[in-house]
């Protein structure tokens, strides 16, 4: 994954392929 500087360290992206869903914490 990669992040824009404005959100780096605060946002986390993750994926659950079994649920076919991506999350943004």
PDBML (XML) file of the C-alpha atoms, coordinates in Angstrom:
<?xml version="1.0" encoding="UTF-8" ?>
<PDBx:datablock datablockName="MODEL"
   xmlns:PDBx="http://pdbml.pdb.org/schema/pdbx-v50.xsd"
   xmlns:xsi="http://www.w3.org/2001/XMLSchema-instance"
   xsi:schemaLocation="http://pdbml.pdb.org/schema/pdbx-v50.xsd pdbx-v50.xsd">
   <PDBx:atom_siteCategory>
      <PDBx:atom_site id="1">
         <PDBx:B_iso_or_equiv>0.00</PDBx:B_iso_or_equiv>
         <PDBx:Cartn_x>0.000</PDBx:Cartn_x>
         <PDBx:Cartn_y>0.000</PDBx:Cartn_y>
         <PDBx:Cartn_z>0.000</PDBx:Cartn_z>
         <PDBx:auth_asym_id>A</PDBx:auth_asym_id>
         <PDBx:auth_atom_id>CA</PDBx:auth_atom_id>
         <PDBx:auth_comp_id>UNK</PDBx:auth_comp_id>
         <PDBx:auth_seq_id>1</PDBx:auth_seq_id>
         <PDBx:group_PDB>ATOM</PDBx:group_PDB>
         <PDBx:label_alt_id xsi:nil="true" />
         <PDBx:label_asym_id>A</PDBx:label_asym_id>
         <PDBx:label_atom_id>CA</PDBx:label_atom_id>
         <PDBx:label_comp_id>UNK</PDBx:label_comp_id>
         <PDBx:label_entity_id>1</PDBx:label_entity_id>
         <PDBx:label_seq_id>1</PDBx:label_seq_id>
         <PDBx:occupancy>1.00</PDBx:occupancy>
         <PDBx:pdbx_PDB_model_num>1</PDBx:pdbx_PDB_model_num>
         <PDBx:type_symbol>C</PDBx:type_symbol>
      </PDBx:atom_site>
      <PDBx:atom_site id="2">
         <PDBx:B_iso_or_equiv>0.00</PDBx:B_iso_or_equiv>
         <PDBx:Cartn_x>0.975</PDBx:Cartn_x>
         <PDBx:Cartn_y>3.631</PDBx:Cartn_y>
         <PDBx:Cartn_z>-0.296</PDBx:Cartn_z>
         <PDBx:auth_asym_id>A</PDBx:auth_asym_id>
         <PDBx:auth_atom_id>CA</PDBx:auth_atom_id>
         <PDBx:auth_comp_id>UNK</PDBx:auth_comp_id>
         <PDBx:auth_seq_id>2</PDBx:auth_seq_id>
         <PDBx:group_PDB>ATOM</PDBx:group_PDB>
         <PDBx:label_alt_id xsi:nil="true" />
         <PDBx:label_asym_id>A</PDBx:label_asym_id>
         <PDBx:label_atom_id>CA</PDBx:label_atom_id>
         <PDBx:label_comp_id>UNK</PDBx:label_comp_id>
         <PDBx:label_entity_id>1</PDBx:label_entity_id>
         <PDBx:label_seq_id>2</PDBx:label_seq_id>
         <PDBx:occupancy>1.00</PDBx:occupancy>
         <PDBx:pdbx_PDB_model_num>1</PDBx:pdbx_PDB_model_num>
         <PDBx:type_symbol>C</PDBx:type_symbol>
      </PDBx:atom_site>
      <PDBx:atom_site id="3">
         <PDBx:B_iso_or_equiv>0.00</PDBx:B_iso_or_equiv>
         <PDBx:Cartn_x>-0.316</PDBx:Cartn_x>
         <PDBx:Cartn_y>6.906</PDBx:Cartn_y>
         <PDBx:Cartn_z>1.091</PDBx:Cartn_z>
         <PDBx:auth_asym_id>A</PDBx:auth_asym_id>
         <PDBx:auth_atom_id>CA</PDBx:auth_atom_id>
         <PDBx:auth_comp_id>UNK</PDBx:auth_comp_id>
         <PDBx:auth_seq_id>3</PDBx:auth_seq_id>
         <PDBx:group_PDB>ATOM</PDBx:group_PDB>
         <PDBx:label_alt_id xsi:nil="true" />
         <PDBx:label_asym_id>A</PDBx:label_asym_id>
         <PDBx:label_atom_id>CA</PDBx:label_atom_id>
         <PDBx:label_comp_id>UNK</PDBx:label_comp_id>
         <PDBx:label_entity_id>1</PDBx:label_entity_id>
         <PDBx:label_seq_id>3</PDBx:label_seq_id>
         <PDBx:occupancy>1.00</PDBx:occupancy>
         <PDBx:pdbx_PDB_model_num>1</PDBx:pdbx_PDB_model_num>
         <PDBx:type_symbol>C</PDBx:type_symbol>
      </PDBx:atom_site>
      <PDBx:atom_site id="4">
         <PDBx:B_iso_or_equiv>0.00</PDBx:B_iso_or_equiv>
         <PDBx:Cartn_x>-0.427</PDBx:Cartn_x>
         <PDBx:Cartn_y>10.571</PDBx:Cartn_y>
         <PDBx:Cartn_z>0.315</PDBx:Cartn_z>
         <PDBx:auth_asym_id>A</PDBx:auth_asym_id>
         <PDBx:auth_atom_id>CA</PDBx:auth_atom_id>
         <PDBx:auth_comp_id>UNK</PDBx:auth_comp_id>
         <PDBx:auth_seq_id>4</PDBx:auth_seq_id>
         <PDBx:group_PDB>ATOM</PDBx:group_PDB>
         <PDBx:label_alt_id xsi:nil="true" />
         <PDBx:label_asym_id>A</PDBx:label_asym_id>
         <PDBx:label_atom_id>CA</PDBx:label_atom_id>
         <PDBx:label_comp_id>UNK</PDBx:label_comp_id>
         <PDBx:label_entity_id>1</PDBx:label_entity_id>
         <PDBx:label_seq_id>4</PDBx:label_seq_id>
         <PDBx:occupancy>1.00</PDBx:occupancy>
         <PDBx:pdbx_PDB_model_num>1</PDBx:pdbx_PDB_model_num>
         <PDBx:type_symbol>C</PDBx:type_symbol>
      </PDBx:atom_site>
      <PDBx:atom_site id="5">
         <PDBx:B_iso_or_equiv>0.00</PDBx:B_iso_or_equiv>
         <PDBx:Cartn_x>1.760</PDBx:Cartn_x>
         <PDBx:Cartn_y>12.682</PDBx:Cartn_y>
         <PDBx:Cartn_z>2.580</PDBx:Cartn_z>
         <PDBx:auth_asym_id>A</PDBx:auth_asym_id>
         <PDBx:auth_atom_id>CA</PDBx:auth_atom_id>
         <PDBx:auth_comp_id>UNK</PDBx:auth_comp_id>
         <PDBx:auth_seq_id>5</PDBx:auth_seq_id>
         <PDBx:group_PDB>ATOM</PDBx:group_PDB>
         <PDBx:label_alt_id xsi:nil="true" />
         <PDBx:label_asym_id>A</PDBx:label_asym_id>
         <PDBx:label_atom_id>CA</PDBx:label_atom_id>
         <PDBx:label_comp_id>UNK</PDBx:label_comp_id>
         <PDBx:label_entity_id>1</PDBx:label_entity_id>
         <PDBx:label_seq_id>5</PDBx:label_seq_id>
         <PDBx:occupancy>1.00</PDBx:occupancy>
         <PDBx:pdbx_PDB_model_num>1</PDBx:pdbx_PDB_model_num>
         <PDBx:type_symbol>C</PDBx:type_symbol>
      </PDBx:atom_site>
      <PDBx:atom_site id="6">
         <PDBx:B_iso_or_equiv>0.00</PDBx:B_iso_or_equiv>
         <PDBx:Cartn_x>-1.308</PDBx:Cartn_x>
         <PDBx:Cartn_y>14.398</PDBx:Cartn_y>
         <PDBx:Cartn_z>4.041</PDBx:Cartn_z>
         <PDBx:auth_asym_id>A</PDBx:auth_asym_id>
         <PDBx:auth_atom_id>CA</PDBx:auth_atom_id>
         <PDBx:auth_comp_id>UNK</PDBx:auth_comp_id>
         <PDBx:auth_seq_id>6</PDBx:auth_seq_id>
         <PDBx:group_PDB>ATOM</PDBx:group_PDB>
         <PDBx:label_alt_id xsi:nil="true" />
         <PDBx:label_asym_id>A</PDBx:label_asym_id>
         <PDBx:label_atom_id>CA</PDBx:label_atom_id>
         <PDBx:label_comp_id>UNK</PDBx:label_comp_id>
         <PDBx:label_entity_id>1</PDBx:label_entity_id>
         <PDBx:label_seq_id>6</PDBx:label_seq_id>
         <PDBx:occupancy>1.00</PDBx:occupancy>
         <PDBx:pdbx_PDB_model_num>1</PDBx:pdbx_PDB_model_num>
         <PDBx:type_symbol>C</PDBx:type_symbol>
      </PDBx:atom_site>
      <PDBx:atom_site id="7">
         <PDBx:B_iso_or_equiv>0.00</PDBx:B_iso_or_equiv>
         <PDBx:Cartn_x>-2.556</PDBx:Cartn_x>
         <PDBx:Cartn_y>11.152</PDBx:Cartn_y>
         <PDBx:Cartn_z>5.624</PDBx:Cartn_z>
         <PDBx:auth_asym_id>A</PDBx:auth_asym_id>
         <PDBx:auth_atom_id>CA</PDBx:auth_atom_id>
         <PDBx:auth_comp_id>UNK</PDBx:auth_comp_id>
         <PDBx:auth_seq_id>7</PDBx:auth_seq_id>
         <PDBx:group_PDB>ATOM</PDBx:group_PDB>
         <PDBx:label_alt_id xsi:nil="true" />
         <PDBx:label_asym_id>A</PDBx:label_asym_id>
         <PDBx:label_atom_id>CA</PDBx:label_atom_id>
         <PDBx:label_comp_id>UNK</PDBx:label_comp_id>
         <PDBx:label_entity_id>1</PDBx:label_entity_id>
         <PDBx:label_seq_id>7</PDBx:label_seq_id>
         <PDBx:occupancy>1.00</PDBx:occupancy>
         <PDBx:pdbx_PDB_model_num>1</PDBx:pdbx_PDB_model_num>
         <PDBx:type_symbol>C</PDBx:type_symbol>
      </PDBx:atom_site>
      <PDBx:atom_site id="8">
         <PDBx:B_iso_or_equiv>0.00</PDBx:B_iso_or_equiv>
         <PDBx:Cartn_x>0.632</PDBx:Cartn_x>
         <PDBx:Cartn_y>9.162</PDBx:Cartn_y>
         <PDBx:Cartn_z>6.151</PDBx:Cartn_z>
         <PDBx:auth_asym_id>A</PDBx:auth_asym_id>
         <PDBx:auth_atom_id>CA</PDBx:auth_atom_id>
         <PDBx:auth_comp_id>UNK</PDBx:auth_comp_id>
         <PDBx:auth_seq_id>8</PDBx:auth_seq_id>
         <PDBx:group_PDB>ATOM</PDBx:group_PDB>
         <PDBx:label_alt_id xsi:nil="true" />
         <PDBx:label_asym_id>A</PDBx:label_asym_id>
         <PDBx:label_atom_id>CA</PDBx:label_atom_id>
         <PDBx:label_comp_id>UNK</PDBx:label_comp_id>
         <PDBx:label_entity_id>1</PDBx:label_entity_id>
         <PDBx:label_seq_id>8</PDBx:label_seq_id>
         <PDBx:occupancy>1.00</PDBx:occupancy>
         <PDBx:pdbx_PDB_model_num>1</PDBx:pdbx_PDB_model_num>
         <PDBx:type_symbol>C</PDBx:type_symbol>
      </PDBx:atom_site>
      <PDBx:atom_site id="9">
         <PDBx:B_iso_or_equiv>0.00</PDBx:B_iso_or_equiv>
         <PDBx:Cartn_x>0.848</PDBx:Cartn_x>
         <PDBx:Cartn_y>7.849</PDBx:Cartn_y>
         <PDBx:Cartn_z>9.697</PDBx:Cartn_z>
         <PDBx:auth_asym_id>A</PDBx:auth_asym_id>
         <PDBx:auth_atom_id>CA</PDBx:auth_atom_id>
         <PDBx:auth_comp_id>UNK</PDBx:auth_comp_id>
         <PDBx:auth_seq_id>9</PDBx:auth_seq_id>
         <PDBx:group_PDB>ATOM</PDBx:group_PDB>
         <PDBx:label_alt_id xsi:nil="true" />
         <PDBx:label_asym_id>A</PDBx:label_asym_id>
         <PDBx:label_atom_id>CA</PDBx:label_atom_id>
         <PDBx:label_comp_id>UNK</PDBx:label_comp_id>
         <PDBx:label_entity_id>1</PDBx:label_entity_id>
         <PDBx:label_seq_id>9</PDBx:label_seq_id>
         <PDBx:occupancy>1.00</PDBx:occupancy>
         <PDBx:pdbx_PDB_model_num>1</PDBx:pdbx_PDB_model_num>
         <PDBx:type_symbol>C</PDBx:type_symbol>
      </PDBx:atom_site>
      <PDBx:atom_site id="10">
         <PDBx:B_iso_or_equiv>0.00</PDBx:B_iso_or_equiv>
         <PDBx:Cartn_x>-2.841</PDBx:Cartn_x>
         <PDBx:Cartn_y>8.507</PDBx:Cartn_y>
         <PDBx:Cartn_z>10.382</PDBx:Cartn_z>
         <PDBx:auth_asym_id>A</PDBx:auth_asym_id>
         <PDBx:auth_atom_id>CA</PDBx:auth_atom_id>
         <PDBx:auth_comp_id>UNK</PDBx:auth_comp_id>
         <PDBx:auth_seq_id>10</PDBx:auth_seq_id>
         <PDBx:group_PDB>ATOM</PDBx:group_PDB>
         <PDBx:label_alt_id xsi:nil="true" />
         <PDBx:label_asym_id>A</PDBx:label_asym_id>
         <PDBx:label_atom_id>CA</PDBx:label_atom_id>
         <PDBx:label_comp_id>UNK</PDBx:label_comp_id>
         <PDBx:label_entity_id>1</PDBx:label_entity_id>
         <PDBx:label_seq_id>10</PDBx:label_seq_id>
         <PDBx:occupancy>1.00</PDBx:occupancy>
         <PDBx:pdbx_PDB_model_num>1</PDBx:pdbx_PDB_model_num>
         <PDBx:type_symbol>C</PDBx:type_symbol>
      </PDBx:atom_site>
      <PDBx:atom_site id="11">
         <PDBx:B_iso_or_equiv>0.00</PDBx:B_iso_or_equiv>
         <PDBx:Cartn_x>-4.696</PDBx:Cartn_x>
         <PDBx:Cartn_y>6.419</PDBx:Cartn_y>
         <PDBx:Cartn_z>7.779</PDBx:Cartn_z>
         <PDBx:auth_asym_id>A</PDBx:auth_asym_id>
         <PDBx:auth_atom_id>CA</PDBx:auth_atom_id>
         <PDBx:auth_comp_id>UNK</PDBx:auth_comp_id>
         <PDBx:auth_seq_id>11</PDBx:auth_seq_id>
         <PDBx:group_PDB>ATOM</PDBx:group_PDB>
         <PDBx:label_alt_id xsi:nil="true" />
         <PDBx:label_asym_id>A</PDBx:label_asym_id>
         <PDBx:label_atom_id>CA</PDBx:label_atom_id>
         <PDBx:label_comp_id>UNK</PDBx:label_comp_id>
         <PDBx:label_entity_id>1</PDBx:label_entity_id>
         <PDBx:label_seq_id>11</PDBx:label_seq_id>
         <PDBx:occupancy>1.00</PDBx:occupancy>
         <PDBx:pdbx_PDB_model_num>1</PDBx:pdbx_PDB_model_num>
         <PDBx:type_symbol>C</PDBx:type_symbol>
      </PDBx:atom_site>
      <PDBx:atom_site id="12">
         <PDBx:B_iso_or_equiv>0.00</PDBx:B_iso_or_equiv>
         <PDBx:Cartn_x>-4.298</PDBx:Cartn_x>
         <PDBx:Cartn_y>2.698</PDBx:Cartn_y>
         <PDBx:Cartn_z>7.145</PDBx:Cartn_z>
         <PDBx:auth_asym_id>A</PDBx:auth_asym_id>
         <PDBx:auth_atom_id>CA</PDBx:auth_atom_id>
         <PDBx:auth_comp_id>UNK</PDBx:auth_comp_id>
         <PDBx:auth_seq_id>12</PDBx:auth_seq_id>
         <PDBx:group_PDB>ATOM</PDBx:group_PDB>
         <PDBx:label_alt_id xsi:nil="true" />
         <PDBx:label_asym_id>A</PDBx:label_asym_id>
         <PDBx:label_atom_id>CA</PDBx:label_atom_id>
         <PDBx:label_comp_id>UNK</PDBx:label_comp_id>
         <PDBx:label_entity_id>1</PDBx:label_entity_id>
         <PDBx:label_seq_id>12</PDBx:label_seq_id>
         <PDBx:occupancy>1.00</PDBx:occupancy>
         <PDBx:pdbx_PDB_model_num>1</PDBx:pdbx_PDB_model_num>
         <PDBx:type_symbol>C</PDBx:type_symbol>
      </PDBx:atom_site>
      <PDBx:atom_site id="13">
         <PDBx:B_iso_or_equiv>0.00</PDBx:B_iso_or_equiv>
         <PDBx:Cartn_x>-5.664</PDBx:Cartn_x>
         <PDBx:Cartn_y>0.853</PDBx:Cartn_y>
         <PDBx:Cartn_z>4.124</PDBx:Cartn_z>
         <PDBx:auth_asym_id>A</PDBx:auth_asym_id>
         <PDBx:auth_atom_id>CA</PDBx:auth_atom_id>
         <PDBx:auth_comp_id>UNK</PDBx:auth_comp_id>
         <PDBx:auth_seq_id>13</PDBx:auth_seq_id>
         <PDBx:group_PDB>ATOM</PDBx:group_PDB>
         <PDBx:label_alt_id xsi:nil="true" />
         <PDBx:label_asym_id>A</PDBx:label_asym_id>
         <PDBx:label_atom_id>CA</PDBx:label_atom_id>
         <PDBx:label_comp_id>UNK</PDBx:label_comp_id>
         <PDBx:label_entity_id>1</PDBx:label_entity_id>
         <PDBx:label_seq_id>13</PDBx:label_seq_id>
         <PDBx:occupancy>1.00</PDBx:occupancy>
         <PDBx:pdbx_PDB_model_num>1</PDBx:pdbx_PDB_model_num>
         <PDBx:type_symbol>C</PDBx:type_symbol>
      </PDBx:atom_site>
      <PDBx:atom_site id="14">
         <PDBx:B_iso_or_equiv>0.00</PDBx:B_iso_or_equiv>
         <PDBx:Cartn_x>-6.299</PDBx:Cartn_x>
         <PDBx:Cartn_y>-2.883</PDBx:Cartn_y>
         <PDBx:Cartn_z>4.233</PDBx:Cartn_z>
         <PDBx:auth_asym_id>A</PDBx:auth_asym_id>
         <PDBx:auth_atom_id>CA</PDBx:auth_atom_id>
         <PDBx:auth_comp_id>UNK</PDBx:auth_comp_id>
         <PDBx:auth_seq_id>14</PDBx:auth_seq_id>
         <PDBx:group_PDB>ATOM</PDBx:group_PDB>
         <PDBx:label_alt_id xsi:nil="true" />
         <PDBx:label_asym_id>A</PDBx:label_asym_id>
         <PDBx:label_atom_id>CA</PDBx:label_atom_id>
         <PDBx:label_comp_id>UNK</PDBx:label_comp_id>
         <PDBx:label_entity_id>1</PDBx:label_entity_id>
         <PDBx:label_seq_id>14</PDBx:label_seq_id>
         <PDBx:occupancy>1.00</PDBx:occupancy>
         <PDBx:pdbx_PDB_model_num>1</PDBx:pdbx_PDB_model_num>
         <PDBx:type_symbol>C</PDBx:type_symbol>
      </PDBx:atom_site>
      <PDBx:atom_site id="15">
         <PDBx:B_iso_or_equiv>0.00</PDBx:B_iso_or_equiv>
         <PDBx:Cartn_x>-8.074</PDBx:Cartn_x>
         <PDBx:Cartn_y>-5.511</PDBx:Cartn_y>
         <PDBx:Cartn_z>2.213</PDBx:Cartn_z>
         <PDBx:auth_asym_id>A</PDBx:auth_asym_id>
         <PDBx:auth_atom_id>CA</PDBx:auth_atom_id>
         <PDBx:auth_comp_id>UNK</PDBx:auth_comp_id>
         <PDBx:auth_seq_id>15</PDBx:auth_seq_id>
         <PDBx:group_PDB>ATOM</PDBx:group_PDB>
         <PDBx:label_alt_id xsi:nil="true" />
         <PDBx:label_asym_id>A</PDBx:label_asym_id>
         <PDBx:label_atom_id>CA</PDBx:label_atom_id>
         <PDBx:label_comp_id>UNK</PDBx:label_comp_id>
         <PDBx:label_entity_id>1</PDBx:label_entity_id>
         <PDBx:label_seq_id>15</PDBx:label_seq_id>
         <PDBx:occupancy>1.00</PDBx:occupancy>
         <PDBx:pdbx_PDB_model_num>1</PDBx:pdbx_PDB_model_num>
         <PDBx:type_symbol>C</PDBx:type_symbol>
      </PDBx:atom_site>
      <PDBx:atom_site id="16">
         <PDBx:B_iso_or_equiv>0.00</PDBx:B_iso_or_equiv>
         <PDBx:Cartn_x>-10.057</PDBx:Cartn_x>
         <PDBx:Cartn_y>-8.656</PDBx:Cartn_y>
         <PDBx:Cartn_z>2.932</PDBx:Cartn_z>
         <PDBx:auth_asym_id>A</PDBx:auth_asym_id>
         <PDBx:auth_atom_id>CA</PDBx:auth_atom_id>
         <PDBx:auth_comp_id>UNK</PDBx:auth_comp_id>
         <PDBx:auth_seq_id>16</PDBx:auth_seq_id>
         <PDBx:group_PDB>ATOM</PDBx:group_PDB>
         <PDBx:label_alt_id xsi:nil="true" />
         <PDBx:label_asym_id>A</PDBx:label_asym_id>
         <PDBx:label_atom_id>CA</PDBx:label_atom_id>
         <PDBx:label_comp_id>UNK</PDBx:label_comp_id>
         <PDBx:label_entity_id>1</PDBx:label_entity_id>
         <PDBx:label_seq_id>16</PDBx:label_seq_id>
         <PDBx:occupancy>1.00</PDBx:occupancy>
         <PDBx:pdbx_PDB_model_num>1</PDBx:pdbx_PDB_model_num>
         <PDBx:type_symbol>C</PDBx:type_symbol>
      </PDBx:atom_site>
      <PDBx:atom_site id="17">
         <PDBx:B_iso_or_equiv>0.00</PDBx:B_iso_or_equiv>
         <PDBx:Cartn_x>-10.174</PDBx:Cartn_x>
         <PDBx:Cartn_y>-10.611</PDBx:Cartn_y>
         <PDBx:Cartn_z>-0.298</PDBx:Cartn_z>
         <PDBx:auth_asym_id>A</PDBx:auth_asym_id>
         <PDBx:auth_atom_id>CA</PDBx:auth_atom_id>
         <PDBx:auth_comp_id>UNK</PDBx:auth_comp_id>
         <PDBx:auth_seq_id>17</PDBx:auth_seq_id>
         <PDBx:group_PDB>ATOM</PDBx:group_PDB>
         <PDBx:label_alt_id xsi:nil="true" />
         <PDBx:label_asym_id>A</PDBx:label_asym_id>
         <PDBx:label_atom_id>CA</PDBx:label_atom_id>
         <PDBx:label_comp_id>UNK</PDBx:label_comp_id>
         <PDBx:label_entity_id>1</PDBx:label_entity_id>
         <PDBx:label_seq_id>17</PDBx:label_seq_id>
         <PDBx:occupancy>1.00</PDBx:occupancy>
         <PDBx:pdbx_PDB_model_num>1</PDBx:pdbx_PDB_model_num>
         <PDBx:type_symbol>C</PDBx:type_symbol>
      </PDBx:atom_site>
      <PDBx:atom_site id="18">
         <PDBx:B_iso_or_equiv>0.00</PDBx:B_iso_or_equiv>
         <PDBx:Cartn_x>-12.486</PDBx:Cartn_x>
         <PDBx:Cartn_y>-13.217</PDBx:Cartn_y>
         <PDBx:Cartn_z>1.233</PDBx:Cartn_z>
         <PDBx:auth_asym_id>A</PDBx:auth_asym_id>
         <PDBx:auth_atom_id>CA</PDBx:auth_atom_id>
         <PDBx:auth_comp_id>UNK</PDBx:auth_comp_id>
         <PDBx:auth_seq_id>18</PDBx:auth_seq_id>
         <PDBx:group_PDB>ATOM</PDBx:group_PDB>
         <PDBx:label_alt_id xsi:nil="true" />
         <PDBx:label_asym_id>A</PDBx:label_asym_id>
         <PDBx:label_atom_id>CA</PDBx:label_atom_id>
         <PDBx:label_comp_id>UNK</PDBx:label_comp_id>
         <PDBx:label_entity_id>1</PDBx:label_entity_id>
         <PDBx:label_seq_id>18</PDBx:label_seq_id>
         <PDBx:occupancy>1.00</PDBx:occupancy>
         <PDBx:pdbx_PDB_model_num>1</PDBx:pdbx_PDB_model_num>
         <PDBx:type_symbol>C</PDBx:type_symbol>
      </PDBx:atom_site>
      <PDBx:atom_site id="19">
         <PDBx:B_iso_or_equiv>0.00</PDBx:B_iso_or_equiv>
         <PDBx:Cartn_x>-15.061</PDBx:Cartn_x>
         <PDBx:Cartn_y>-10.472</PDBx:Cartn_y>
         <PDBx:Cartn_z>1.794</PDBx:Cartn_z>
         <PDBx:auth_asym_id>A</PDBx:auth_asym_id>
         <PDBx:auth_atom_id>CA</PDBx:auth_atom_id>
         <PDBx:auth_comp_id>UNK</PDBx:auth_comp_id>
         <PDBx:auth_seq_id>19</PDBx:auth_seq_id>
         <PDBx:group_PDB>ATOM</PDBx:group_PDB>
         <PDBx:label_alt_id xsi:nil="true" />
         <PDBx:label_asym_id>A</PDBx:label_asym_id>
         <PDBx:label_atom_id>CA</PDBx:label_atom_id>
         <PDBx:label_comp_id>UNK</PDBx:label_comp_id>
         <PDBx:label_entity_id>1</PDBx:label_entity_id>
         <PDBx:label_seq_id>19</PDBx:label_seq_id>
         <PDBx:occupancy>1.00</PDBx:occupancy>
         <PDBx:pdbx_PDB_model_num>1</PDBx:pdbx_PDB_model_num>
         <PDBx:type_symbol>C</PDBx:type_symbol>
      </PDBx:atom_site>
      <PDBx:atom_site id="20">
         <PDBx:B_iso_or_equiv>0.00</PDBx:B_iso_or_equiv>
         <PDBx:Cartn_x>-14.104</PDBx:Cartn_x>
         <PDBx:Cartn_y>-8.618</PDBx:Cartn_y>
         <PDBx:Cartn_z>-1.398</PDBx:Cartn_z>
         <PDBx:auth_asym_id>A</PDBx:auth_asym_id>
         <PDBx:auth_atom_id>CA</PDBx:auth_atom_id>
         <PDBx:auth_comp_id>UNK</PDBx:auth_comp_id>
         <PDBx:auth_seq_id>20</PDBx:auth_seq_id>
         <PDBx:group_PDB>ATOM</PDBx:group_PDB>
         <PDBx:label_alt_id xsi:nil="true" />
         <PDBx:label_asym_id>A</PDBx:label_asym_id>
         <PDBx:label_atom_id>CA</PDBx:label_atom_id>
         <PDBx:label_comp_id>UNK</PDBx:label_comp_id>
         <PDBx:label_entity_id>1</PDBx:label_entity_id>
         <PDBx:label_seq_id>20</PDBx:label_seq_id>
         <PDBx:occupancy>1.00</PDBx:occupancy>
         <PDBx:pdbx_PDB_model_num>1</PDBx:pdbx_PDB_model_num>
         <PDBx:type_symbol>C</PDBx:type_symbol>
      </PDBx:atom_site>
      <PDBx:atom_site id="21">
         <PDBx:B_iso_or_equiv>0.00</PDBx:B_iso_or_equiv>
         <PDBx:Cartn_x>-13.821</PDBx:Cartn_x>
         <PDBx:Cartn_y>-5.485</PDBx:Cartn_y>
         <PDBx:Cartn_z>0.703</PDBx:Cartn_z>
         <PDBx:auth_asym_id>A</PDBx:auth_asym_id>
         <PDBx:auth_atom_id>CA</PDBx:auth_atom_id>
         <PDBx:auth_comp_id>UNK</PDBx:auth_comp_id>
         <PDBx:auth_seq_id>21</PDBx:auth_seq_id>
         <PDBx:group_PDB>ATOM</PDBx:group_PDB>
         <PDBx:label_alt_id xsi:nil="true" />
         <PDBx:label_asym_id>A</PDBx:label_asym_id>
         <PDBx:label_atom_id>CA</PDBx:label_atom_id>
         <PDBx:label_comp_id>UNK</PDBx:label_comp_id>
         <PDBx:label_entity_id>1</PDBx:label_entity_id>
         <PDBx:label_seq_id>21</PDBx:label_seq_id>
         <PDBx:occupancy>1.00</PDBx:occupancy>
         <PDBx:pdbx_PDB_model_num>1</PDBx:pdbx_PDB_model_num>
         <PDBx:type_symbol>C</PDBx:type_symbol>
      </PDBx:atom_site>
      <PDBx:atom_site id="22">
         <PDBx:B_iso_or_equiv>0.00</PDBx:B_iso_or_equiv>
         <PDBx:Cartn_x>-11.189</PDBx:Cartn_x>
         <PDBx:Cartn_y>-2.803</PDBx:Cartn_y>
         <PDBx:Cartn_z>1.266</PDBx:Cartn_z>
         <PDBx:auth_asym_id>A</PDBx:auth_asym_id>
         <PDBx:auth_atom_id>CA</PDBx:auth_atom_id>
         <PDBx:auth_comp_id>UNK</PDBx:auth_comp_id>
         <PDBx:auth_seq_id>22</PDBx:auth_seq_id>
         <PDBx:group_PDB>ATOM</PDBx:group_PDB>
         <PDBx:label_alt_id xsi:nil="true" />
         <PDBx:label_asym_id>A</PDBx:label_asym_id>
         <PDBx:label_atom_id>CA</PDBx:label_atom_id>
         <PDBx:label_comp_id>UNK</PDBx:label_comp_id>
         <PDBx:label_entity_id>1</PDBx:label_entity_id>
         <PDBx:label_seq_id>22</PDBx:label_seq_id>
         <PDBx:occupancy>1.00</PDBx:occupancy>
         <PDBx:pdbx_PDB_model_num>1</PDBx:pdbx_PDB_model_num>
         <PDBx:type_symbol>C</PDBx:type_symbol>
      </PDBx:atom_site>
      <PDBx:atom_site id="23">
         <PDBx:B_iso_or_equiv>0.00</PDBx:B_iso_or_equiv>
         <PDBx:Cartn_x>-11.078</PDBx:Cartn_x>
         <PDBx:Cartn_y>-0.670</PDBx:Cartn_y>
         <PDBx:Cartn_z>4.387</PDBx:Cartn_z>
         <PDBx:auth_asym_id>A</PDBx:auth_asym_id>
         <PDBx:auth_atom_id>CA</PDBx:auth_atom_id>
         <PDBx:auth_comp_id>UNK</PDBx:auth_comp_id>
         <PDBx:auth_seq_id>23</PDBx:auth_seq_id>
         <PDBx:group_PDB>ATOM</PDBx:group_PDB>
         <PDBx:label_alt_id xsi:nil="true" />
         <PDBx:label_asym_id>A</PDBx:label_asym_id>
         <PDBx:label_atom_id>CA</PDBx:label_atom_id>
         <PDBx:label_comp_id>UNK</PDBx:label_comp_id>
         <PDBx:label_entity_id>1</PDBx:label_entity_id>
         <PDBx:label_seq_id>23</PDBx:label_seq_id>
         <PDBx:occupancy>1.00</PDBx:occupancy>
         <PDBx:pdbx_PDB_model_num>1</PDBx:pdbx_PDB_model_num>
         <PDBx:type_symbol>C</PDBx:type_symbol>
      </PDBx:atom_site>
      <PDBx:atom_site id="24">
         <PDBx:B_iso_or_equiv>0.00</PDBx:B_iso_or_equiv>
         <PDBx:Cartn_x>-9.650</PDBx:Cartn_x>
         <PDBx:Cartn_y>2.726</PDBx:Cartn_y>
         <PDBx:Cartn_z>5.234</PDBx:Cartn_z>
         <PDBx:auth_asym_id>A</PDBx:auth_asym_id>
         <PDBx:auth_atom_id>CA</PDBx:auth_atom_id>
         <PDBx:auth_comp_id>UNK</PDBx:auth_comp_id>
         <PDBx:auth_seq_id>24</PDBx:auth_seq_id>
         <PDBx:group_PDB>ATOM</PDBx:group_PDB>
         <PDBx:label_alt_id xsi:nil="true" />
         <PDBx:label_asym_id>A</PDBx:label_asym_id>
         <PDBx:label_atom_id>CA</PDBx:label_atom_id>
         <PDBx:label_comp_id>UNK</PDBx:label_comp_id>
         <PDBx:label_entity_id>1</PDBx:label_entity_id>
         <PDBx:label_seq_id>24</PDBx:label_seq_id>
         <PDBx:occupancy>1.00</PDBx:occupancy>
         <PDBx:pdbx_PDB_model_num>1</PDBx:pdbx_PDB_model_num>
         <PDBx:type_symbol>C</PDBx:type_symbol>
      </PDBx:atom_site>
      <PDBx:atom_site id="25">
         <PDBx:B_iso_or_equiv>0.00</PDBx:B_iso_or_equiv>
         <PDBx:Cartn_x>-8.980</PDBx:Cartn_x>
         <PDBx:Cartn_y>3.190</PDBx:Cartn_y>
         <PDBx:Cartn_z>8.933</PDBx:Cartn_z>
         <PDBx:auth_asym_id>A</PDBx:auth_asym_id>
         <PDBx:auth_atom_id>CA</PDBx:auth_atom_id>
         <PDBx:auth_comp_id>UNK</PDBx:auth_comp_id>
         <PDBx:auth_seq_id>25</PDBx:auth_seq_id>
         <PDBx:group_PDB>ATOM</PDBx:group_PDB>
         <PDBx:label_alt_id xsi:nil="true" />
         <PDBx:label_asym_id>A</PDBx:label_asym_id>
         <PDBx:label_atom_id>CA</PDBx:label_atom_id>
         <PDBx:label_comp_id>UNK</PDBx:label_comp_id>
         <PDBx:label_entity_id>1</PDBx:label_entity_id>
         <PDBx:label_seq_id>25</PDBx:label_seq_id>
         <PDBx:occupancy>1.00</PDBx:occupancy>
         <PDBx:pdbx_PDB_model_num>1</PDBx:pdbx_PDB_model_num>
         <PDBx:type_symbol>C</PDBx:type_symbol>
      </PDBx:atom_site>
   </PDBx:atom_siteCategory>
</PDBx:datablock>
